[in-house]
Amino acid sequence: MPELPEVETVKNGIALFIGKARILSVEITNRKFRMTVPENTEKNIIGAKIESYQRIGKYIVINLDNDFCVVWHLGMSGKIKTLKEQQLHLEKHDHIAIKTENGWLVYNDPRRFGLFTTIKKKDINQSELFKNTGIDPFDKNLTGELFFEKIKNKKTPIKTTLLDQSVVCGIGNIYASEILYESRISPFRESNKINKKECDTLVKNIRAVLQKAIDNGGSTLRDYQKPDGSLGYFQNMHCVYNKIGQKCPNCICNTEKTGGIKKAVQAGRSTFYCETLQK
């Protein structure tokens, strides 16, 4: 599933390509996603002009010059393609095509776990999608002290807490492992055992890891690609994720004795960590 860096990269890519263009037409060939695309969707967006783009957690939000915004989630395998063609030829799993003055946005989703809908701009923060959303990692109000207050009573492992979108939104499985590695904190530590100094370190590394991933176009592991079809590069910079048995970049251990980077399953998700450095 695309995580915050991938969603930010896609958002920036479509904003650069489409800009503040007017939406001319919308073709929806399949409405059955995680949530059914409402029947009034086309009416809400055709003829409207794009005002701005934003990301809320792992959602792309496109604000229009009428009462509405488009809300897009890529699900497990979704991707948004930007195309300049005058006549569009839809490919397999192309379910939504939006024609604008500056080109096409095409939503391709083989598994259809994504989401495409419209919400009134004034209602977005109170909508079911966002009313329980935690603070954004890049919000200046996110400090080590605030993070400590959020987790001090939680007995769940810190890795699981990082994935809790009501605590901090946007962090997914790949980046939780990388953040904990950079912070030298074991993914198995209970959240209420993380002290204030460690929370300062976690917040610093949450931002650092996510920003580095954004700067490198996100991580392409399976389906993810940028709107122009190019791939992310950050997977080549992973320190622990999916590197079982290897030595991490900063380790001094003998991998023949330690077994190198290890994998565990927490709350049904794969966790990768260095047993020597992360305590």
Protein backbone atom coordinates (compact mmCIF):
# COMPACT_ATOMS: atom_id res chain seq x y z
CA MET A 1 0.00 0.00 0.00
CA PRO A 2 1.37 3.45 -0.84
CA GLU A 3 2.38 5.27 2.34
CA LEU A 4 2.82 8.98 3.05
CA PRO A 5 5.93 9.51 0.85
CA GLU A 6 4.36 7.76 -2.12
CA VAL A 7 1.06 9.65 -1.72
CA GLU A 8 2.92 12.96 -1.38
CA THR A 9 4.90 12.15 -4.51
CA VAL A 10 1.75 11.29 -6.48
CA LYS A 11 0.01 14.44 -5.25
CA ASN A 12 2.95 16.60 -6.29
CA GLY A 13 3.15 14.82 -9.64
CA ILE A 14 -0.46 15.40 -10.60
CA ALA A 15 -0.35 18.99 -9.31
CA LEU A 16 2.68 19.71 -11.51
CA PHE A 17 1.04 18.07 -14.53
CA ILE A 18 -2.55 19.29 -14.25
CA GLY A 19 -2.14 22.47 -12.22
CA LYS A 20 -5.25 24.58 -11.68
CA ALA A 21 -7.05 23.30 -14.75
CA ARG A 22 -10.78 22.99 -15.28
CA ILE A 23 -12.33 19.51 -15.26
CA LEU A 24 -14.04 18.89 -18.60
CA SER A 25 -15.39 15.36 -18.24
CA VAL A 26 -15.33 12.29 -16.01
CA GLU A 27 -15.73 8.68 -17.12
CA ILE A 28 -16.27 6.06 -14.41
CA THR A 29 -16.41 2.51 -15.76
CA ASN A 30 -16.46 0.76 -12.38
CA ARG A 31 -17.89 2.27 -9.18
CA LYS A 32 -17.16 -0.67 -6.87
CA PHE A 33 -14.15 0.18 -4.70
CA ARG A 34 -13.65 0.09 -0.93
CA MET A 35 -16.57 2.49 -0.95
CA THR A 36 -18.92 2.70 -3.91
CA VAL A 37 -18.33 5.85 -5.94
CA PRO A 38 -21.45 8.00 -5.31
CA GLU A 39 -23.79 8.56 -8.26
CA ASN A 40 -23.53 12.36 -7.94
CA THR A 41 -19.73 12.37 -8.28
CA GLU A 42 -19.62 13.45 -11.92
CA LYS A 43 -22.14 16.25 -11.27
CA ASN A 44 -20.05 17.53 -8.35
CA ILE A 45 -16.83 17.92 -10.30
CA ILE A 46 -17.48 18.39 -14.05
CA GLY A 47 -17.01 22.05 -14.95
CA ALA A 48 -15.22 22.89 -11.71
CA LYS A 49 -11.73 24.35 -11.67
CA ILE A 50 -8.99 22.96 -9.44
CA GLU A 51 -7.95 25.42 -6.74
CA SER A 52 -5.33 23.48 -4.77
CA TYR A 53 -3.96 20.09 -3.77
CA GLN A 54 -3.29 18.69 -0.33
CA ARG A 55 -2.52 15.40 1.40
CA ILE A 56 -4.30 14.22 4.54
CA GLY A 57 -2.52 11.16 5.87
CA LYS A 58 -2.53 8.72 2.96
CA TYR A 59 -5.32 10.53 1.08
CA ILE A 60 -4.99 12.97 -1.82
CA VAL A 61 -7.44 15.86 -1.62
CA ILE A 62 -8.10 18.09 -4.65
CA ASN A 63 -9.95 21.28 -3.74
CA LEU A 64 -12.29 22.64 -6.40
CA ASP A 65 -13.66 26.15 -6.93
CA ASN A 66 -17.18 25.03 -6.03
CA ASP A 67 -18.35 23.55 -2.72
CA PHE A 68 -16.55 20.23 -3.21
CA CYS A 69 -13.19 18.50 -3.02
CA VAL A 70 -12.15 15.23 -4.60
CA VAL A 71 -10.82 12.65 -2.13
CA TRP A 72 -8.60 9.88 -3.49
CA HIS A 73 -7.02 6.88 -1.77
CA LEU A 74 -4.84 4.46 -3.73
CA GLY A 75 -5.63 1.37 -1.67
CA MET A 76 -3.30 -1.61 -2.04
CA SER A 77 -2.49 -1.44 -5.73
CA GLY A 78 -3.95 1.76 -7.14
CA LYS A 79 -2.06 4.29 -9.24
CA ILE A 80 -2.90 7.58 -10.90
CA LYS A 81 -1.59 8.09 -14.42
CA THR A 82 -1.11 11.47 -16.12
CA LEU A 83 -1.64 11.45 -19.89
CA LYS A 84 -1.60 14.09 -22.62
CA GLU A 85 -3.47 12.08 -25.28
CA GLN A 86 -6.37 13.77 -27.06
CA GLN A 87 -8.19 10.47 -27.50
CA LEU A 88 -7.93 8.24 -24.46
CA HIS A 89 -7.65 4.45 -24.81
CA LEU A 90 -8.39 2.84 -21.46
CA GLU A 91 -6.26 -0.12 -20.41
CA LYS A 92 -7.17 -3.05 -18.19
CA HIS A 93 -8.10 -1.90 -14.66
CA ASP A 94 -8.45 1.76 -15.73
CA HIS A 95 -11.64 2.54 -13.84
CA ILE A 96 -11.80 6.33 -13.69
CA ALA A 97 -10.69 8.87 -16.31
CA ILE A 98 -10.80 12.61 -15.65
CA LYS A 99 -10.27 14.95 -18.58
CA THR A 100 -8.98 18.43 -17.78
CA GLU A 101 -7.81 21.38 -19.83
CA ASN A 102 -4.22 20.19 -19.30
CA GLY A 103 -4.58 16.44 -19.83
CA TRP A 104 -5.99 13.29 -18.27
CA LEU A 105 -5.90 11.76 -14.80
CA VAL A 106 -6.55 8.03 -15.01
CA TYR A 107 -7.10 5.83 -11.96
CA ASN A 108 -5.94 2.23 -12.38
CA ASP A 109 -6.62 -0.21 -9.53
CA PRO A 110 -6.47 -3.99 -10.10
CA ARG A 111 -7.66 -4.89 -6.60
CA ARG A 112 -10.12 -2.02 -6.21
CA PHE A 113 -9.28 -1.45 -2.54
CA GLY A 114 -8.92 2.27 -3.19
CA LEU A 115 -11.43 5.08 -2.81
CA PHE A 116 -12.70 7.94 -4.97
CA THR A 117 -15.37 10.31 -3.75
CA THR A 118 -16.34 13.95 -3.29
CA ILE A 119 -16.94 15.72 0.00
CA LYS A 120 -18.10 19.25 0.70
CA LYS A 121 -15.03 21.26 1.66
CA LYS A 122 -16.64 22.62 4.81
CA ASP A 123 -17.39 19.07 6.01
CA ILE A 124 -14.07 17.37 5.29
CA ASN A 125 -12.61 17.43 8.81
CA GLN A 126 -15.82 16.02 10.27
CA SER A 127 -16.27 13.34 7.62
CA GLU A 128 -16.04 9.66 8.51
CA LEU A 129 -12.76 9.44 6.59
CA PHE A 130 -10.92 12.08 8.62
CA LYS A 131 -12.62 12.79 11.92
CA ASN A 132 -10.32 10.38 13.80
CA THR A 133 -7.17 11.23 11.86
CA GLY A 134 -4.09 11.96 13.96
CA ILE A 135 -1.62 14.79 13.55
CA ASP A 136 0.43 14.97 10.36
CA PRO A 137 4.14 14.11 10.74
CA PHE A 138 5.12 17.48 9.27
CA ASP A 139 2.74 19.51 11.41
CA LYS A 140 4.88 21.96 13.41
CA ASN A 141 2.74 21.17 16.46
CA LEU A 142 4.06 17.60 16.53
CA THR A 143 6.78 17.68 19.17
CA GLY A 144 8.43 14.99 21.23
CA GLU A 145 6.40 16.15 24.20
CA LEU A 146 3.11 15.87 22.32
CA PHE A 147 4.07 12.44 21.00
CA PHE A 148 4.94 11.33 24.54
CA GLU A 149 1.51 12.45 25.74
CA LYS A 150 -0.16 10.49 22.95
CA ILE A 151 1.62 7.21 23.70
CA LYS A 152 2.39 7.30 27.44
CA ASN A 153 -0.63 5.16 28.37
CA LYS A 154 -0.41 2.72 25.45
CA LYS A 155 0.78 -0.81 26.16
CA THR A 156 0.99 -1.76 22.50
CA PRO A 157 4.43 -2.22 20.93
CA ILE A 158 5.84 1.04 19.58
CA LYS A 159 5.87 -0.37 16.02
CA THR A 160 2.12 -0.97 16.23
CA THR A 161 1.57 2.50 17.68
CA LEU A 162 3.44 4.12 14.79
CA LEU A 163 0.96 2.46 12.43
CA ASP A 164 -2.02 3.81 14.39
CA GLN A 165 -3.39 6.54 12.12
CA SER A 166 -5.20 8.20 15.04
CA VAL A 167 -1.84 8.92 16.71
CA VAL A 168 0.22 10.21 13.77
CA CYS A 169 -1.24 9.84 10.28
CA GLY A 170 0.51 8.61 7.17
CA ILE A 171 3.15 6.26 8.58
CA GLY A 172 2.93 2.77 7.12
CA ASN A 173 4.75 -0.51 7.56
CA ILE A 174 7.87 0.22 5.55
CA TYR A 175 8.62 3.52 7.21
CA ALA A 176 7.77 2.40 10.74
CA SER A 177 10.60 -0.17 10.56
CA GLU A 178 12.99 2.40 9.11
CA ILE A 179 12.07 5.07 11.68
CA LEU A 180 12.61 2.69 14.60
CA TYR A 181 15.94 1.58 13.18
CA GLU A 182 17.15 5.18 12.84
CA SER A 183 15.96 5.82 16.41
CA ARG A 184 17.71 2.67 17.73
CA ILE A 185 14.48 1.59 19.41
CA SER A 186 13.25 -2.00 19.41
CA PRO A 187 9.90 -2.47 17.66
CA PHE A 188 8.83 -4.68 20.58
CA ARG A 189 9.18 -2.03 23.31
CA GLU A 190 5.83 -1.13 24.83
CA SER A 191 4.86 2.41 23.93
CA ASN A 192 4.43 3.41 27.55
CA LYS A 193 8.07 2.48 28.15
CA ILE A 194 9.35 5.06 25.65
CA ASN A 195 10.73 8.08 27.53
CA LYS A 196 10.52 11.76 26.56
CA LYS A 197 14.03 11.90 25.14
CA GLU A 198 13.29 8.90 22.95
CA CYS A 199 10.07 10.58 21.80
CA ASP A 200 12.14 13.59 20.71
CA THR A 201 14.34 11.21 18.72
CA LEU A 202 11.34 9.45 17.20
CA VAL A 203 9.70 12.68 16.02
CA LYS A 204 12.99 13.85 14.51
CA ASN A 205 13.43 10.56 12.65
CA ILE A 206 9.78 10.33 11.60
CA ARG A 207 10.27 13.56 9.69
CA ALA A 208 13.78 12.75 8.46
CA VAL A 209 12.91 9.30 7.08
CA LEU A 210 9.68 10.44 5.45
CA GLN A 211 11.29 13.53 3.91
CA LYS A 212 14.19 11.50 2.52
CA ALA A 213 11.69 9.07 1.01
CA ILE A 214 9.71 11.94 -0.56
CA ASP A 215 12.92 13.45 -1.96
CA ASN A 216 13.63 10.09 -3.63
CA GLY A 217 10.15 9.52 -5.05
CA GLY A 218 8.99 6.95 -2.48
CA SER A 219 9.57 3.20 -2.42
CA THR A 220 8.66 0.97 -5.36
CA LEU A 221 8.29 -2.60 -4.10
CA ARG A 222 5.39 -3.96 -6.14
CA ASP A 223 2.74 -1.84 -7.83
CA TYR A 224 3.70 1.71 -6.91
CA GLN A 225 4.86 4.11 -9.58
CA LYS A 226 4.76 7.87 -10.01
CA PRO A 227 2.06 9.46 -12.22
CA ASP A 228 4.49 9.75 -15.14
CA GLY A 229 5.18 6.00 -14.94
CA SER A 230 8.64 6.29 -13.37
CA LEU A 231 9.57 4.36 -10.23
CA GLY A 232 10.56 5.50 -6.76
CA TYR A 233 14.16 5.13 -5.62
CA PHE A 234 13.98 5.02 -1.82
CA GLN A 235 13.76 1.21 -1.72
CA ASN A 236 17.47 1.28 -2.57
CA MET A 237 18.09 3.24 0.64
CA HIS A 238 16.20 1.02 3.07
CA CYS A 239 18.34 0.14 6.07
CA VAL A 240 16.34 -2.82 7.41
CA TYR A 241 13.08 -3.27 5.52
CA ASN A 242 13.05 -6.57 3.61
CA LYS A 243 16.77 -7.14 4.28
CA ILE A 244 16.63 -10.36 6.32
CA GLY A 245 20.04 -11.77 7.17
CA GLN A 246 21.97 -8.76 5.95
CA LYS A 247 24.10 -6.44 8.06
CA CYS A 248 22.50 -3.05 8.63
CA PRO A 249 24.50 0.01 7.50
CA ASN A 250 25.73 0.96 10.97
CA CYS A 251 26.10 -2.43 12.61
CA ILE A 252 29.27 -3.78 14.17
CA CYS A 253 27.93 -7.30 14.65
CA ASN A 254 29.18 -10.51 13.12
CA THR A 255 26.24 -11.63 11.01
CA GLU A 256 27.43 -15.24 11.15
CA LYS A 257 26.73 -15.13 14.89
CA THR A 258 23.77 -12.75 15.04
CA GLY A 259 21.98 -13.74 11.84
CA GLY A 260 21.88 -10.10 10.71
CA ILE A 261 18.62 -8.22 10.23
CA LYS A 262 15.64 -10.15 11.53
CA LYS A 263 12.00 -10.35 10.59
CA ALA A 264 9.05 -10.73 12.93
CA VAL A 265 5.28 -10.43 12.53
CA GLN A 266 3.45 -7.88 14.67
CA ALA A 267 -0.30 -7.39 14.42
CA GLY A 268 -0.22 -9.24 11.11
CA ARG A 269 2.47 -6.98 9.60
CA SER A 270 6.12 -7.76 8.85
CA THR A 271 8.66 -6.01 11.03
CA PHE A 272 12.37 -5.76 10.19
CA TYR A 273 14.96 -4.77 12.79
CA CYS A 274 18.55 -5.04 13.97
CA GLU A 275 18.69 -6.88 17.29
CA THR A 276 22.18 -5.53 18.01
CA LEU A 277 21.45 -1.80 17.64
CA GLN A 278 17.77 -1.54 18.53
CA LYS A 279 17.02 -1.83 22.23
